Protein backbone atom coordinates (compact mmCIF):
# COMPACT_ATOMS: atom_id res chain seq x y z
CA MET A 1 0.09 0.33 0.25
CA VAL A 2 1.41 3.34 -1.42
CA TRP A 3 0.19 6.89 -0.20
CA VAL A 4 1.87 10.21 -2.05
CA ASN A 5 0.88 13.09 -0.46
CA GLN A 6 -1.82 11.33 1.58
CA VAL A 7 -3.83 10.53 -1.46
CA LYS A 8 -3.73 7.01 -2.20
CA GLN A 9 -2.05 5.57 -4.93
CA GLY A 10 -1.28 8.18 -6.04
CA THR A 11 1.13 9.52 -8.73
CA ILE A 12 5.08 11.28 -7.86
CA SER A 13 6.22 13.09 -10.34
CA PRO A 14 9.76 12.18 -13.15
CA PHE A 15 10.62 15.55 -11.89
CA ASP A 16 11.24 15.63 -8.21
CA ARG A 17 14.30 15.86 -6.68
CA GLY A 18 13.79 12.81 -4.75
CA LEU A 19 13.61 10.79 -7.52
CA ALA A 20 16.50 12.84 -9.83
CA TYR A 21 18.90 13.43 -7.06
CA GLY A 22 17.76 11.52 -3.74
CA ASP A 23 17.18 15.10 -2.91
CA GLY A 24 14.98 14.19 0.60
CA VAL A 25 15.20 11.84 3.87
CA PHE A 26 13.35 9.09 5.52
CA ALA A 27 12.31 7.23 8.57
CA THR A 28 11.00 3.34 9.24
CA MET A 29 9.10 2.65 11.60
CA ARG A 30 8.04 -0.23 13.19
CA THR A 31 3.83 -1.12 14.21
CA ALA A 32 2.90 -2.43 17.84
CA SER A 33 2.39 -5.57 17.52
CA ALA A 34 -1.76 -7.09 18.04
CA HIS A 35 -1.91 -7.25 21.95
CA GLN A 36 -0.04 -3.72 22.13
CA ALA A 37 -2.41 -0.83 21.83
CA ALA A 38 -1.84 0.30 18.30
CA ALA A 39 0.78 2.76 17.68
CA VAL A 40 4.01 2.95 15.86
CA LEU A 41 6.82 3.07 17.83
CA PHE A 42 8.59 5.87 18.67
CA LEU A 43 6.50 7.82 16.09
CA ASP A 44 7.34 11.06 18.12
CA TYR A 45 11.17 10.32 17.71
CA HIS A 46 10.45 9.44 13.91
CA LEU A 47 9.60 12.47 12.82
CA GLN A 48 11.27 14.58 15.18
CA ARG A 49 13.96 13.08 13.97
CA LEU A 50 12.81 13.95 10.49
CA HIS A 51 11.74 17.35 10.77
CA GLN A 52 15.49 18.16 12.32
CA SER A 53 17.32 15.72 9.30
CA CYS A 54 15.41 18.04 6.74
CA GLN A 55 17.14 20.96 8.64
CA ARG A 56 20.29 19.52 7.64
CA ILE A 57 19.60 19.25 4.76
CA GLY A 58 17.30 23.10 4.28
CA ILE A 59 14.43 22.05 3.64
CA GLN A 60 11.20 23.60 5.62
CA TRP A 61 9.17 20.36 6.97
CA GLN A 62 6.56 19.59 9.72
CA ALA A 63 4.30 16.47 10.09
CA SER A 64 0.93 18.06 9.83
CA GLN A 65 -1.56 16.76 12.20
CA PRO A 66 -4.08 14.79 9.65
CA LEU A 67 -0.33 13.18 8.32
CA VAL A 68 -0.59 11.63 11.77
CA ASP A 69 -3.66 11.18 11.99
CA GLN A 70 -2.82 8.73 8.43
CA LEU A 71 0.02 8.13 10.19
CA ASN A 72 -2.05 6.62 13.82
CA LEU A 73 -4.66 5.04 11.65
CA LEU A 74 -2.29 2.67 10.32
CA ALA A 75 -0.65 1.34 13.04
CA THR A 76 -3.97 0.39 14.07
CA THR A 77 -4.31 -1.48 11.30
CA TYR A 78 -1.67 -3.12 10.18
CA PRO A 79 -0.52 -4.10 12.94
CA ASN A 80 2.91 -5.37 13.44
CA HIS A 81 4.26 -3.77 10.09
CA CYS A 82 6.77 -1.60 9.15
CA ILE A 83 5.56 1.96 8.10
CA LYS A 84 7.94 4.11 5.75
CA LEU A 85 7.28 7.85 5.48
CA LEU A 86 10.08 9.77 2.67
CA LEU A 87 10.19 12.94 2.18
CA THR A 88 11.20 15.07 -0.93
CA ARG A 89 11.71 18.19 -1.41
CA GLY A 90 9.42 17.79 -4.46
CA GLU A 91 10.06 19.87 -8.27
CA GLY A 92 11.80 22.54 -8.99
CA GLY A 93 15.22 24.20 -8.85
CA ARG A 94 17.68 24.46 -11.12
CA GLY A 95 19.35 21.14 -12.08
CA TYR A 96 21.34 20.59 -8.46
CA GLN A 97 19.96 24.07 -7.17
CA ALA A 98 17.45 23.77 -4.93
CA PRO A 99 13.94 26.13 -5.20
CA ASP A 100 13.57 28.86 -2.92
CA ILE A 101 10.86 27.17 -1.45
CA ALA A 102 10.71 23.57 -0.97
CA ASN A 103 6.50 22.07 -2.16
CA VAL A 104 7.89 19.36 0.12
CA THR A 105 6.16 15.20 -1.03
CA GLU A 106 5.95 12.78 1.42
CA VAL A 107 5.06 8.89 0.51
CA VAL A 108 4.03 6.95 3.20
CA SER A 109 3.87 3.07 2.28
CA VAL A 110 3.53 0.19 4.51
CA HIS A 111 5.39 -3.19 4.34
CA VAL A 112 5.50 -6.70 6.54
CA ILE A 113 8.68 -7.50 8.81
CA PRO A 114 10.72 -9.90 7.06
CA SER A 115 10.05 -13.53 9.31
CA HIS A 116 13.64 -13.80 9.43
CA TYR A 117 14.13 -11.00 11.86
CA LEU A 118 12.50 -13.25 15.23
CA HIS A 119 14.81 -15.83 14.03
CA TRP A 120 18.30 -13.55 15.19
CA GLN A 121 16.03 -12.17 18.00
CA GLN A 122 15.74 -15.20 19.18
CA HIS A 123 19.25 -16.95 17.95
CA GLY A 124 21.39 -13.62 17.16
CA ILE A 125 23.16 -13.42 13.75
CA ALA A 126 27.07 -13.68 12.61
CA LEU A 127 28.99 -10.10 10.71
CA ALA A 128 31.10 -10.29 8.24
CA LEU A 129 33.65 -7.08 7.60
CA SER A 130 32.39 -5.28 4.77
CA PRO A 131 34.75 -4.70 1.58
CA ILE A 132 33.15 -1.30 0.91
CA THR A 133 33.17 1.55 3.18
CA LEU A 134 31.23 4.67 3.81
CA ALA A 135 32.97 8.02 2.22
CA ARG A 136 33.42 10.48 5.07
CA GLN A 137 31.16 13.27 4.89
CA PRO A 138 30.15 15.33 8.09
CA LEU A 139 27.70 17.50 6.89
CA LEU A 140 25.44 14.55 5.99
CA ALA A 141 26.87 12.00 8.96
CA GLY A 142 23.80 11.12 11.26
CA VAL A 143 21.43 11.79 8.84
CA LYS A 144 18.74 9.07 6.66
CA HIS A 145 19.13 10.28 3.75
CA LEU A 146 17.68 9.28 0.32
CA ASN A 147 21.10 8.42 -1.35
CA ARG A 148 21.30 4.95 -0.09
CA LEU A 149 23.89 4.04 -2.81
CA GLU A 150 26.62 2.76 -1.64
CA GLN A 151 23.75 0.97 0.59
CA VAL A 152 23.03 -1.23 -2.09
CA LEU A 153 26.64 -1.30 -3.49
CA ILE A 154 26.94 -3.45 0.57
CA LYS A 155 24.36 -5.12 0.15
CA SER A 156 25.49 -6.79 -3.90
CA GLN A 157 27.93 -8.31 -2.09
CA PRO A 158 27.16 -12.57 -1.65
CA LEU A 159 27.20 -12.64 1.78
CA ILE A 160 29.55 -15.58 3.11
CA ALA A 161 27.89 -17.90 3.99
CA ASN A 162 26.22 -18.71 7.38
CA THR A 163 26.83 -14.57 7.77
CA GLN A 164 23.52 -12.73 7.82
CA ASP A 165 24.87 -9.15 7.44
CA TRP A 166 28.56 -6.74 7.19
CA LEU A 167 30.00 -4.58 9.50
CA VAL A 168 31.25 -1.59 7.92
CA CYS A 169 33.97 0.87 7.64
CA ASP A 170 33.95 4.85 6.66
CA THR A 171 36.93 4.48 3.84
CA ASP A 172 38.95 6.02 6.15
CA GLY A 173 38.77 2.38 8.36
CA TRP A 174 37.04 2.71 11.27
CA VAL A 175 34.20 1.36 12.55
CA ILE A 176 30.74 2.96 11.65
CA GLU A 177 27.44 0.21 11.55
CA SER A 178 26.35 -2.84 10.67
CA SER A 179 24.33 -2.24 6.79
CA MET A 180 20.56 -1.78 8.15
CA ALA A 181 21.55 -0.81 12.11
CA ASN A 182 23.89 0.61 15.08
CA ILE A 183 26.60 -1.07 16.96
CA PHE A 184 26.94 -1.73 20.66
CA ALA A 185 30.15 -3.00 21.96
CA ILE A 186 30.22 -3.75 26.22
CA LYS A 187 33.54 -4.03 27.30
CA GLN A 188 33.55 -4.75 31.07
CA GLY A 189 30.28 -4.00 32.14
CA LYS A 190 30.57 -0.90 30.07
CA VAL A 191 28.69 -0.06 26.58
CA PHE A 192 30.71 1.89 23.20
CA THR A 193 28.76 2.86 20.42
CA PRO A 194 30.70 4.32 16.89
CA ALA A 195 30.68 8.39 16.48
CA ILE A 196 28.35 9.24 13.66
CA THR A 197 30.26 12.24 13.43
CA HIS A 198 31.53 10.93 9.05
CA ALA A 199 29.73 8.59 8.20
CA GLY A 200 26.46 6.19 9.35
CA VAL A 201 22.03 7.38 10.12
CA SER A 202 21.89 8.00 13.43
CA GLY A 203 19.10 5.48 14.96
CA VAL A 204 16.24 6.10 16.46
CA MET A 205 16.34 3.01 17.94
CA ARG A 206 19.67 3.96 18.73
CA ALA A 207 18.84 6.54 20.43
CA GLN A 208 16.61 4.97 23.29
CA MET A 209 18.99 2.96 23.75
CA ILE A 210 21.77 4.74 24.99
CA ASP A 211 18.82 6.99 27.14
CA ARG A 212 17.17 3.13 28.37
CA LEU A 213 20.64 3.10 29.30
CA LEU A 214 21.88 6.11 30.95
CA GLN A 215 18.26 5.81 33.29
CA GLU A 216 20.32 2.58 34.40
CA GLY A 217 23.30 3.22 35.11
CA VAL A 218 24.48 1.89 32.56
CA SER A 219 28.23 3.75 31.64
CA VAL A 220 28.20 4.59 27.24
CA THR A 221 30.19 6.27 25.56
CA ALA A 222 30.11 6.84 21.42
CA GLN A 223 33.49 7.47 20.22
CA ALA A 224 36.04 6.46 17.11
CA MET A 225 36.33 2.65 17.15
CA ARG A 226 37.85 0.52 15.31
CA TYR A 227 37.85 -3.11 14.08
CA ASP A 228 39.91 -3.75 16.82
CA ASP A 229 38.37 -1.86 19.40
CA ILE A 230 35.00 -3.66 18.05
CA CYS A 231 37.05 -6.96 17.87
CA SER A 232 37.84 -7.21 21.41
CA ALA A 233 34.84 -7.15 23.80
CA ASP A 234 33.13 -9.21 25.73
CA HIS A 235 28.99 -9.39 23.74
CA ILE A 236 27.93 -7.05 20.90
CA PHE A 237 24.64 -5.81 20.07
CA ILE A 238 22.71 -4.10 16.86
CA THR A 239 19.88 -2.43 17.39
CA ASN A 240 17.03 -1.00 14.36
CA SER A 241 13.68 0.07 14.07
CA LEU A 242 12.12 -3.06 13.10
CA PHE A 243 14.69 -5.83 14.77
CA GLY A 244 14.89 -4.11 17.87
CA VAL A 245 18.11 -4.93 20.00
CA VAL A 246 19.97 -8.63 17.97
CA ASP A 247 22.62 -10.25 19.58
CA VAL A 248 25.62 -11.07 18.08
CA ASN A 249 27.71 -13.80 18.36
CA THR A 250 30.69 -13.73 14.89
CA ILE A 251 31.59 -10.60 13.71
CA ASP A 252 34.21 -13.01 10.76
CA GLN A 253 36.37 -15.20 13.44
CA PHE A 254 35.78 -13.00 16.34
CA GLN A 255 32.82 -14.63 18.78
CA PHE A 256 30.61 -13.34 21.51
CA SER A 257 29.05 -13.96 24.54
CA ARG A 258 25.02 -12.68 24.10
CA TRP A 259 23.84 -10.10 26.93
CA THR A 260 22.17 -11.22 29.76
CA HIS A 261 20.21 -7.97 29.29
CA THR A 262 19.52 -7.40 25.56
CA SER A 263 16.37 -9.55 25.90
CA ARG A 264 14.77 -7.44 29.11
CA PHE A 265 15.66 -4.50 26.84
CA ARG A 266 13.66 -5.88 23.96
CA GLN A 267 10.94 -5.58 26.77
CA VAL A 268 10.85 -2.67 28.66
CA LEU A 269 11.36 -0.95 25.08
CA SER A 270 8.10 -2.90 23.10
CA VAL A 271 9.97 -4.33 20.34
CA ASN A 272 9.93 -7.87 20.98
CA LEU A 273 8.54 -10.01 18.16
CA SER A 274 6.07 -12.52 17.62
CA SER A 275 5.22 -15.26 15.25
């Protein structure tokens, strides 16, 4: 199901800047499970991040009440689904130069959550170091913008046997994320996560996890991390808005025990998937 500017099966102009230049941002959100109260999980945080991301790239946008109402209705109609909200600058401008005033295009779509995410929550996953790296661009670091060609290239590489995702570094060799999630490392009871200052996406679930850890008095540090820093950890987990929190069992030849608190944090954050 797709809505364009709240019109079901609406169309997008071939001159839309999102199509022409990747000029826009998006959010991938999850709706609550059927046994929970109907809601888009962390909706306010997703909309706040979209607003901040639009400001970062010079688009004036604020979520309207009709859009919020539409998202809440979809959460009622499609429990335990993925809702993608994509914003573009719309048409206009001369070549790359953006128009002075953006006529923002809003695209809302609903998708099934991949069934294997439940297995990932229950059993953890294995990562391998990606041979493709991310370019460093501090002006866009943290923003979930529409220019995803790097991720397309990463995902185009055949995964190594018995691995489920790639661990991705930037062009200077600093660990950033997995291809689809933020990453955390636990060493001697302290939690570390790569700083998202030159590349990567600063995810909503990453922020939720950091806030919850700090509330419980757990030390959390965002810092530059090398491959060796990650692989010398006691425990590793990844986060995103669809599968919540998932343990990493191995990275290449390095093995990690599952963190005893992972399942509890999934419960506290209400991100457990159901079969």
